Amino acid sequence: MYRKEKGFTLLEIMVIIIIVGIFAGILAPLSTVALRTTKIKETKRKLEILNTALLSYYENYAIFPIDPAGLTALETAGYVSESDYADDYACDAWRVPFVYTYNVGGATNKVRSYGPDRADGGGDDIIYIVQAKDIWNKWRQTTEERLGKVNEAVEKHIRAGNTIGSGDSSVNLAAHLDAANIYDPWGNPYRYDAALSTFYSYGPDGTPGSGDEVYSGGIDMTP
């Protein structure tokens, strides 16, 4: 004797649909939050690697990459490769390019992601401050040591019957200097400041008056 199988009633099916809908309504936002959190972590990881690359660049050149080259200069100079970032080393986890802000002559720069909303100023931007103060102090010390040699050469230059005036270059002192001391770490000759009676370096950006000049001991122009 066969027994007829009992199926779901319409009411039971409706209850199941309601329950599934409730769970979907709960899980969908949680899934969105989880994805957002994962992408924020991935973006921060990329920023950490970019920070390391930028500091390595600064360590060697005593200056950050200059706009408009920006972060692409890191790859060109071999400090980062596309493989480090799954072919998007200059983009955040939302595939939006990082915004690199070059602080002229400074030892501090910013790398910014617009964050989940992919728009500037939405309140969810992720900003990384790249600090190279310690490295800058090392470069400044090297420059000051060379300036000591340059200013010593001035005395010899004058005793030899020569004169020195404002704006004169350390190249004029070549007869009294080792070749390594004629130029600053950025490849530029030192310039004479008659008002202070000393030679000085234009600093990383190679231009006067930008605030990153380096003088011999006693005058601090830390950017």
C-alpha atoms as a PDB file:
ATOM      1  CA  MET A   1       0.000   0.000   0.000  1.00  0.00           C
ATOM      2  CA  TYR A   2       1.435   3.373  -1.042  1.00  0.00           C
ATOM      3  CA  ARG A   3       1.338   6.459   1.141  1.00  0.00           C
ATOM      4  CA  LYS A   4       0.973   9.809  -0.584  1.00  0.00           C
ATOM      5  CA  GLU A   5       3.900  12.137   0.186  1.00  0.00           C
ATOM      6  CA  LYS A   6       2.871  15.395   1.744  1.00  0.00           C
ATOM      7  CA  GLY A   7       4.313  18.536   0.048  1.00  0.00           C
ATOM      8  CA  PHE A   8       4.855  22.048   1.313  1.00  0.00           C
ATOM      9  CA  THR A   9       1.830  24.175   1.688  1.00  0.00           C
ATOM     10  CA  LEU A  10       1.725  27.648   0.192  1.00  0.00           C
ATOM     11  CA  LEU A  11       1.956  29.114   3.683  1.00  0.00           C
ATOM     12  CA  GLU A  12       5.093  27.113   4.478  1.00  0.00           C
ATOM     13  CA  ILE A  13       6.710  28.196   1.221  1.00  0.00           C
ATOM     14  CA  MET A  14       5.929  31.828   1.998  1.00  0.00           C
ATOM     15  CA  VAL A  15       7.432  31.474   5.489  1.00  0.00           C
ATOM     16  CA  ILE A  16      10.627  29.969   4.020  1.00  0.00           C
ATOM     17  CA  ILE A  17      10.884  32.793   1.482  1.00  0.00           C
ATOM     18  CA  ILE A  18      10.464  35.377   4.242  1.00  0.00           C
ATOM     19  CA  ILE A  19      13.141  33.708   6.398  1.00  0.00           C
ATOM     20  CA  VAL A  20      15.584  33.527   3.460  1.00  0.00           C
ATOM     21  CA  GLY A  21      14.888  37.179   2.705  1.00  0.00           C
ATOM     22  CA  ILE A  22      15.580  38.160   6.303  1.00  0.00           C
ATOM     23  CA  PHE A  23      18.915  36.298   6.309  1.00  0.00           C
ATOM     24  CA  ALA A  24      19.853  37.828   2.947  1.00  0.00           C
ATOM     25  CA  GLY A  25      19.059  41.280   4.328  1.00  0.00           C
ATOM     26  CA  ILE A  26      21.340  40.621   7.285  1.00  0.00           C
ATOM     27  CA  LEU A  27      24.220  38.958   5.421  1.00  0.00           C
ATOM     28  CA  ALA A  28      24.395  41.317   2.434  1.00  0.00           C
ATOM     29  CA  PRO A  29      25.453  44.374   4.484  1.00  0.00           C
ATOM     30  CA  LEU A  30      27.906  42.227   6.452  1.00  0.00           C
ATOM     31  CA  SER A  31      29.428  41.036   3.193  1.00  0.00           C
ATOM     32  CA  THR A  32      29.747  44.645   1.997  1.00  0.00           C
ATOM     33  CA  VAL A  33      31.416  45.679   5.253  1.00  0.00           C
ATOM     34  CA  ALA A  34      33.826  42.729   5.038  1.00  0.00           C
ATOM     35  CA  LEU A  35      34.768  43.635   1.452  1.00  0.00           C
ATOM     36  CA  ARG A  36      35.269  47.282   2.408  1.00  0.00           C
ATOM     37  CA  THR A  37      37.500  46.286   5.347  1.00  0.00           C
ATOM     38  CA  THR A  38      39.554  43.968   3.129  1.00  0.00           C
ATOM     39  CA  LYS A  39      40.126  46.710   0.555  1.00  0.00           C
ATOM     40  CA  ILE A  40      41.103  49.238   3.218  1.00  0.00           C
ATOM     41  CA  LYS A  41      43.687  46.777   4.580  1.00  0.00           C
ATOM     42  CA  GLU A  42      45.004  46.111   1.074  1.00  0.00           C
ATOM     43  CA  THR A  43      45.308  49.847   0.387  1.00  0.00           C
ATOM     44  CA  LYS A  44      47.201  50.387   3.642  1.00  0.00           C
ATOM     45  CA  ARG A  45      49.530  47.523   2.724  1.00  0.00           C
ATOM     46  CA  LYS A  46      50.279  49.189  -0.591  1.00  0.00           C
ATOM     47  CA  LEU A  47      50.917  52.499   1.142  1.00  0.00           C
ATOM     48  CA  GLU A  48      53.398  50.804   3.484  1.00  0.00           C
ATOM     49  CA  ILE A  49      55.323  49.415   0.525  1.00  0.00           C
ATOM     50  CA  LEU A  50      55.250  52.773  -1.241  1.00  0.00           C
ATOM     51  CA  ASN A  51      56.542  54.385   1.947  1.00  0.00           C
ATOM     52  CA  THR A  52      59.512  52.000   1.958  1.00  0.00           C
ATOM     53  CA  ALA A  53      60.182  52.685  -1.727  1.00  0.00           C
ATOM     54  CA  LEU A  54      59.972  56.469  -1.280  1.00  0.00           C
ATOM     55  CA  LEU A  55      62.333  56.400   1.697  1.00  0.00           C
ATOM     56  CA  SER A  56      64.813  54.257  -0.256  1.00  0.00           C
ATOM     57  CA  TYR A  57      64.634  56.773  -3.108  1.00  0.00           C
ATOM     58  CA  TYR A  58      65.216  59.640  -0.665  1.00  0.00           C
ATOM     59  CA  GLU A  59      68.095  57.739   0.952  1.00  0.00           C
ATOM     60  CA  ASN A  60      69.933  57.696  -2.369  1.00  0.00           C
ATOM     61  CA  TYR A  61      68.969  61.073  -3.845  1.00  0.00           C
ATOM     62  CA  ALA A  62      68.210  63.188  -0.748  1.00  0.00           C
ATOM     63  CA  ILE A  63      65.038  64.300  -2.490  1.00  0.00           C
ATOM     64  CA  PHE A  64      61.662  62.711  -3.217  1.00  0.00           C
ATOM     65  CA  PRO A  65      60.436  62.067  -6.771  1.00  0.00           C
ATOM     66  CA  ILE A  66      59.264  65.339  -8.264  1.00  0.00           C
ATOM     67  CA  ASP A  67      55.885  65.923  -9.888  1.00  0.00           C
ATOM     68  CA  PRO A  68      54.679  65.266 -12.532  1.00  0.00           C
ATOM     69  CA  ALA A  69      56.708  62.040 -12.532  1.00  0.00           C
ATOM     70  CA  GLY A  70      55.420  61.260  -9.054  1.00  0.00           C
ATOM     71  CA  LEU A  71      55.223  57.618  -8.117  1.00  0.00           C
ATOM     72  CA  THR A  72      56.088  56.412 -11.628  1.00  0.00           C
ATOM     73  CA  ALA A  73      59.647  57.596 -10.948  1.00  0.00           C
ATOM     74  CA  LEU A  74      59.928  54.829  -8.346  1.00  0.00           C
ATOM     75  CA  GLU A  75      59.497  52.157 -10.993  1.00  0.00           C
ATOM     76  CA  THR A  76      61.754  53.933 -13.470  1.00  0.00           C
ATOM     77  CA  ALA A  77      64.503  54.100 -10.849  1.00  0.00           C
ATOM     78  CA  GLY A  78      63.955  50.468  -9.847  1.00  0.00           C
ATOM     79  CA  TYR A  79      62.546  51.019  -6.365  1.00  0.00           C
ATOM     80  CA  VAL A  80      59.235  49.310  -7.066  1.00  0.00           C
ATOM     81  CA  SER A  81      57.923  46.917  -9.682  1.00  0.00           C
ATOM     82  CA  GLU A  82      54.443  46.216 -10.994  1.00  0.00           C
ATOM     83  CA  SER A  83      54.664  42.668  -9.636  1.00  0.00           C
ATOM     84  CA  ASP A  84      54.586  44.104  -6.110  1.00  0.00           C
ATOM     85  CA  TYR A  85      51.108  45.450  -6.755  1.00  0.00           C
ATOM     86  CA  ALA A  86      49.535  42.979  -9.181  1.00  0.00           C
ATOM     87  CA  ASP A  87      50.211  45.394 -12.078  1.00  0.00           C
ATOM     88  CA  ASP A  88      48.727  48.416 -10.288  1.00  0.00           C
ATOM     89  CA  TYR A  89      51.516  49.637  -8.043  1.00  0.00           C
ATOM     90  CA  ALA A  90      50.269  53.227  -8.242  1.00  0.00           C
ATOM     91  CA  CYS A  91      46.587  52.444  -7.556  1.00  0.00           C
ATOM     92  CA  ASP A  92      44.628  51.653  -4.412  1.00  0.00           C
ATOM     93  CA  ALA A  93      42.407  48.606  -3.913  1.00  0.00           C
ATOM     94  CA  TRP A  94      39.558  50.371  -5.741  1.00  0.00           C
ATOM     95  CA  ARG A  95      41.781  50.745  -8.819  1.00  0.00           C
ATOM     96  CA  VAL A  96      41.985  54.514  -8.324  1.00  0.00           C
ATOM     97  CA  PRO A  97      45.477  56.081  -8.679  1.00  0.00           C
ATOM     98  CA  PHE A  98      47.099  57.264  -5.476  1.00  0.00           C
ATOM     99  CA  VAL A  99      47.509  61.033  -5.182  1.00  0.00           C
ATOM    100  CA  TYR A 100      51.156  61.868  -4.547  1.00  0.00           C
ATOM    101  CA  THR A 101      51.896  65.313  -3.102  1.00  0.00           C
ATOM    102  CA  TYR A 102      55.456  66.522  -3.495  1.00  0.00           C
ATOM    103  CA  ASN A 103      56.514  69.002  -0.824  1.00  0.00           C
ATOM    104  CA  VAL A 104      59.157  71.064  -2.601  1.00  0.00           C
ATOM    105  CA  GLY A 105      62.490  70.558  -0.895  1.00  0.00           C
ATOM    106  CA  GLY A 106      60.802  68.998   2.111  1.00  0.00           C
ATOM    107  CA  ALA A 107      61.528  65.843   4.072  1.00  0.00           C
ATOM    108  CA  THR A 108      57.828  65.003   4.449  1.00  0.00           C
ATOM    109  CA  ASN A 109      55.433  63.986   1.687  1.00  0.00           C
ATOM    110  CA  LYS A 110      51.900  62.605   1.392  1.00  0.00           C
ATOM    111  CA  VAL A 111      50.396  59.697  -0.508  1.00  0.00           C
ATOM    112  CA  ARG A 112      46.589  59.682  -0.509  1.00  0.00           C
ATOM    113  CA  SER A 113      43.874  57.208  -1.442  1.00  0.00           C
ATOM    114  CA  TYR A 114      40.367  58.600  -1.939  1.00  0.00           C
ATOM    115  CA  GLY A 115      39.101  55.554  -0.050  1.00  0.00           C
ATOM    116  CA  PRO A 116      35.903  53.527  -0.541  1.00  0.00           C
ATOM    117  CA  ASP A 117      33.875  56.384  -2.030  1.00  0.00           C
ATOM    118  CA  ARG A 118      36.605  57.041  -4.629  1.00  0.00           C
ATOM    119  CA  ALA A 119      36.113  60.794  -4.249  1.00  0.00           C
ATOM    120  CA  ASP A 120      38.239  63.537  -2.724  1.00  0.00           C
ATOM    121  CA  GLY A 121      37.126  64.865   0.651  1.00  0.00           C
ATOM    122  CA  GLY A 122      34.454  62.284   1.360  1.00  0.00           C
ATOM    123  CA  GLY A 123      35.704  61.725   4.877  1.00  0.00           C
ATOM    124  CA  ASP A 124      37.055  58.249   4.169  1.00  0.00           C
ATOM    125  CA  ASP A 125      40.348  59.215   2.513  1.00  0.00           C
ATOM    126  CA  ILE A 126      43.376  57.167   3.547  1.00  0.00           C
ATOM    127  CA  ILE A 127      46.453  59.375   3.947  1.00  0.00           C
ATOM    128  CA  TYR A 128      50.018  58.183   4.507  1.00  0.00           C
ATOM    129  CA  ILE A 129      52.638  60.673   5.686  1.00  0.00           C
ATOM    130  CA  VAL A 130      56.102  59.750   4.452  1.00  0.00           C
ATOM    131  CA  GLN A 131      58.662  60.992   6.983  1.00  0.00           C
ATOM    132  CA  ALA A 132      62.313  61.283   5.976  1.00  0.00           C
ATOM    133  CA  LYS A 133      63.546  63.621   8.718  1.00  0.00           C
ATOM    134  CA  ASP A 134      66.180  61.182   9.982  1.00  0.00           C
ATOM    135  CA  ILE A 135      67.529  60.628   6.474  1.00  0.00           C
ATOM    136  CA  TRP A 136      67.494  64.375   5.826  1.00  0.00           C
ATOM    137  CA  ASN A 137      69.557  64.976   8.978  1.00  0.00           C
ATOM    138  CA  LYS A 138      72.162  62.545   7.659  1.00  0.00           C
ATOM    139  CA  TRP A 139      72.354  64.371   4.322  1.00  0.00           C
ATOM    140  CA  ARG A 140      72.514  67.733   6.084  1.00  0.00           C
ATOM    141  CA  GLN A 141      75.405  66.523   8.250  1.00  0.00           C
ATOM    142  CA  THR A 142      77.299  65.401   5.138  1.00  0.00           C
ATOM    143  CA  THR A 143      76.665  68.795   3.516  1.00  0.00           C
ATOM    144  CA  GLU A 144      77.783  70.702   6.601  1.00  0.00           C
ATOM    145  CA  GLU A 145      81.011  68.692   6.723  1.00  0.00           C
ATOM    146  CA  ARG A 146      81.753  69.591   3.113  1.00  0.00           C
ATOM    147  CA  LEU A 147      80.893  73.229   3.773  1.00  0.00           C
ATOM    148  CA  GLY A 148      83.496  73.258   6.523  1.00  0.00           C
ATOM    149  CA  LYS A 149      86.107  72.316   3.931  1.00  0.00           C
ATOM    150  CA  VAL A 150      84.768  74.911   1.484  1.00  0.00           C
ATOM    151  CA  ASN A 151      84.913  77.733   4.026  1.00  0.00           C
ATOM    152  CA  GLU A 152      88.450  76.736   4.987  1.00  0.00           C
ATOM    153  CA  ALA A 153      89.373  76.962   1.304  1.00  0.00           C
ATOM    154  CA  VAL A 154      88.069  80.543   1.210  1.00  0.00           C
ATOM    155  CA  GLU A 155      90.876  81.667   3.550  1.00  0.00           C
ATOM    156  CA  LYS A 156      93.490  80.062   1.300  1.00  0.00           C
ATOM    157  CA  HIS A 157      91.815  81.591  -1.739  1.00  0.00           C
ATOM    158  CA  ILE A 158      91.990  85.098  -0.229  1.00  0.00           C
ATOM    159  CA  ARG A 159      95.589  84.651   0.999  1.00  0.00           C
ATOM    160  CA  ALA A 160      96.488  83.828  -2.588  1.00  0.00           C
ATOM    161  CA  GLY A 161      95.357  87.329  -3.569  1.00  0.00           C
ATOM    162  CA  ASN A 162      91.870  86.473  -4.782  1.00  0.00           C
ATOM    163  CA  THR A 163      88.523  87.878  -3.753  1.00  0.00           C
ATOM    164  CA  ILE A 164      85.151  86.289  -3.081  1.00  0.00           C
ATOM    165  CA  GLY A 165      81.749  87.912  -3.504  1.00  0.00           C
ATOM    166  CA  SER A 166      78.082  87.158  -3.020  1.00  0.00           C
ATOM    167  CA  GLY A 167      76.849  84.477  -5.381  1.00  0.00           C
ATOM    168  CA  ASP A 168      80.316  83.210  -6.254  1.00  0.00           C
ATOM    169  CA  SER A 169      80.576  79.466  -6.757  1.00  0.00           C
ATOM    170  CA  SER A 170      82.724  76.934  -4.911  1.00  0.00           C
ATOM    171  CA  VAL A 171      84.100  76.023  -8.339  1.00  0.00           C
ATOM    172  CA  ASN A 172      86.246  79.169  -7.937  1.00  0.00           C
ATOM    173  CA  LEU A 173      87.958  77.412  -5.035  1.00  0.00           C
ATOM    174  CA  ALA A 174      88.897  74.289  -7.000  1.00  0.00           C
ATOM    175  CA  ALA A 175      92.618  74.949  -6.516  1.00  0.00           C
ATOM    176  CA  HIS A 176      92.165  74.599  -2.760  1.00  0.00           C
ATOM    177  CA  LEU A 177      89.545  71.822  -2.597  1.00  0.00           C
ATOM    178  CA  ASP A 178      89.317  68.100  -3.228  1.00  0.00           C
ATOM    179  CA  ALA A 179      86.973  67.419  -6.144  1.00  0.00           C
ATOM    180  CA  ALA A 180      84.478  65.677  -3.832  1.00  0.00           C
ATOM    181  CA  ASN A 181      84.030  68.841  -1.774  1.00  0.00           C
ATOM    182  CA  ILE A 182      83.350  71.272  -4.614  1.00  0.00           C
ATOM    183  CA  TYR A 183      79.758  70.115  -5.027  1.00  0.00           C
ATOM    184  CA  ASP A 184      76.970  69.397  -2.587  1.00  0.00           C
ATOM    185  CA  PRO A 185      75.349  65.919  -2.366  1.00  0.00           C
ATOM    186  CA  TRP A 186      72.857  66.975  -5.064  1.00  0.00           C
ATOM    187  CA  GLY A 187      75.565  67.768  -7.584  1.00  0.00           C
ATOM    188  CA  ASN A 188      75.406  71.563  -7.350  1.00  0.00           C
ATOM    189  CA  PRO A 189      78.249  73.932  -6.434  1.00  0.00           C
ATOM    190  CA  TYR A 190      78.012  75.871  -3.177  1.00  0.00           C
ATOM    191  CA  ARG A 191      77.255  79.600  -3.301  1.00  0.00           C
ATOM    192  CA  TYR A 192      78.691  82.424  -1.240  1.00  0.00           C
ATOM    193  CA  ASP A 193      76.420  84.516   0.989  1.00  0.00           C
ATOM    194  CA  ALA A 194      78.263  87.801   1.594  1.00  0.00           C
ATOM    195  CA  ALA A 195      75.801  88.905   4.303  1.00  0.00           C
ATOM    196  CA  LEU A 196      76.670  85.847   6.405  1.00  0.00           C
ATOM    197  CA  SER A 197      80.270  85.519   5.158  1.00  0.00           C
ATOM    198  CA  THR A 198      79.818  81.841   4.370  1.00  0.00           C
ATOM    199  CA  PHE A 199      79.161  79.409   1.568  1.00  0.00           C
ATOM    200  CA  TYR A 200      75.922  77.452   1.586  1.00  0.00           C
ATOM    201  CA  SER A 201      74.034  74.809  -0.418  1.00  0.00           C
ATOM    202  CA  TYR A 202      70.780  75.440  -2.265  1.00  0.00           C
ATOM    203  CA  GLY A 203      69.609  72.098  -0.855  1.00  0.00           C
ATOM    204  CA  PRO A 204      67.771  69.203  -2.509  1.00  0.00           C
ATOM    205  CA  ASP A 205      65.750  71.253  -5.002  1.00  0.00           C
ATOM    206  CA  GLY A 206      68.798  73.143  -6.281  1.00  0.00           C
ATOM    207  CA  THR A 207      67.152  76.565  -6.119  1.00  0.00           C
ATOM    208  CA  PRO A 208      67.656  79.442  -3.659  1.00  0.00           C
ATOM    209  CA  GLY A 209      64.945  80.773  -1.376  1.00  0.00           C
ATOM    210  CA  SER A 210      62.827  77.622  -1.152  1.00  0.00           C
ATOM    211  CA  GLY A 211      63.565  76.966   2.527  1.00  0.00           C
ATOM    212  CA  ASP A 212      65.706  73.844   2.191  1.00  0.00           C
ATOM    213  CA  GLU A 213      69.091  75.566   2.009  1.00  0.00           C
ATOM    214  CA  VAL A 214      71.936  74.120   4.071  1.00  0.00           C
ATOM    215  CA  TYR A 215      74.465  76.333   5.853  1.00  0.00           C
ATOM    216  CA  SER A 216      77.440  75.395   7.937  1.00  0.00           C
ATOM    217  CA  GLY A 217      76.873  74.859  11.655  1.00  0.00           C
ATOM    218  CA  GLY A 218      74.818  77.438  13.530  1.00  0.00           C
ATOM    219  CA  ILE A 219      72.135  78.109  10.908  1.00  0.00           C
ATOM    220  CA  ASP A 220      69.315  75.562  10.844  1.00  0.00           C
ATOM    221  CA  MET A 221      67.207  75.459   7.663  1.00  0.00           C
ATOM    222  CA  THR A 222      65.651  72.019   8.231  1.00  0.00           C
ATOM    223  CA  PRO A 223      62.719  71.558   5.833  1.00  0.00           C
END
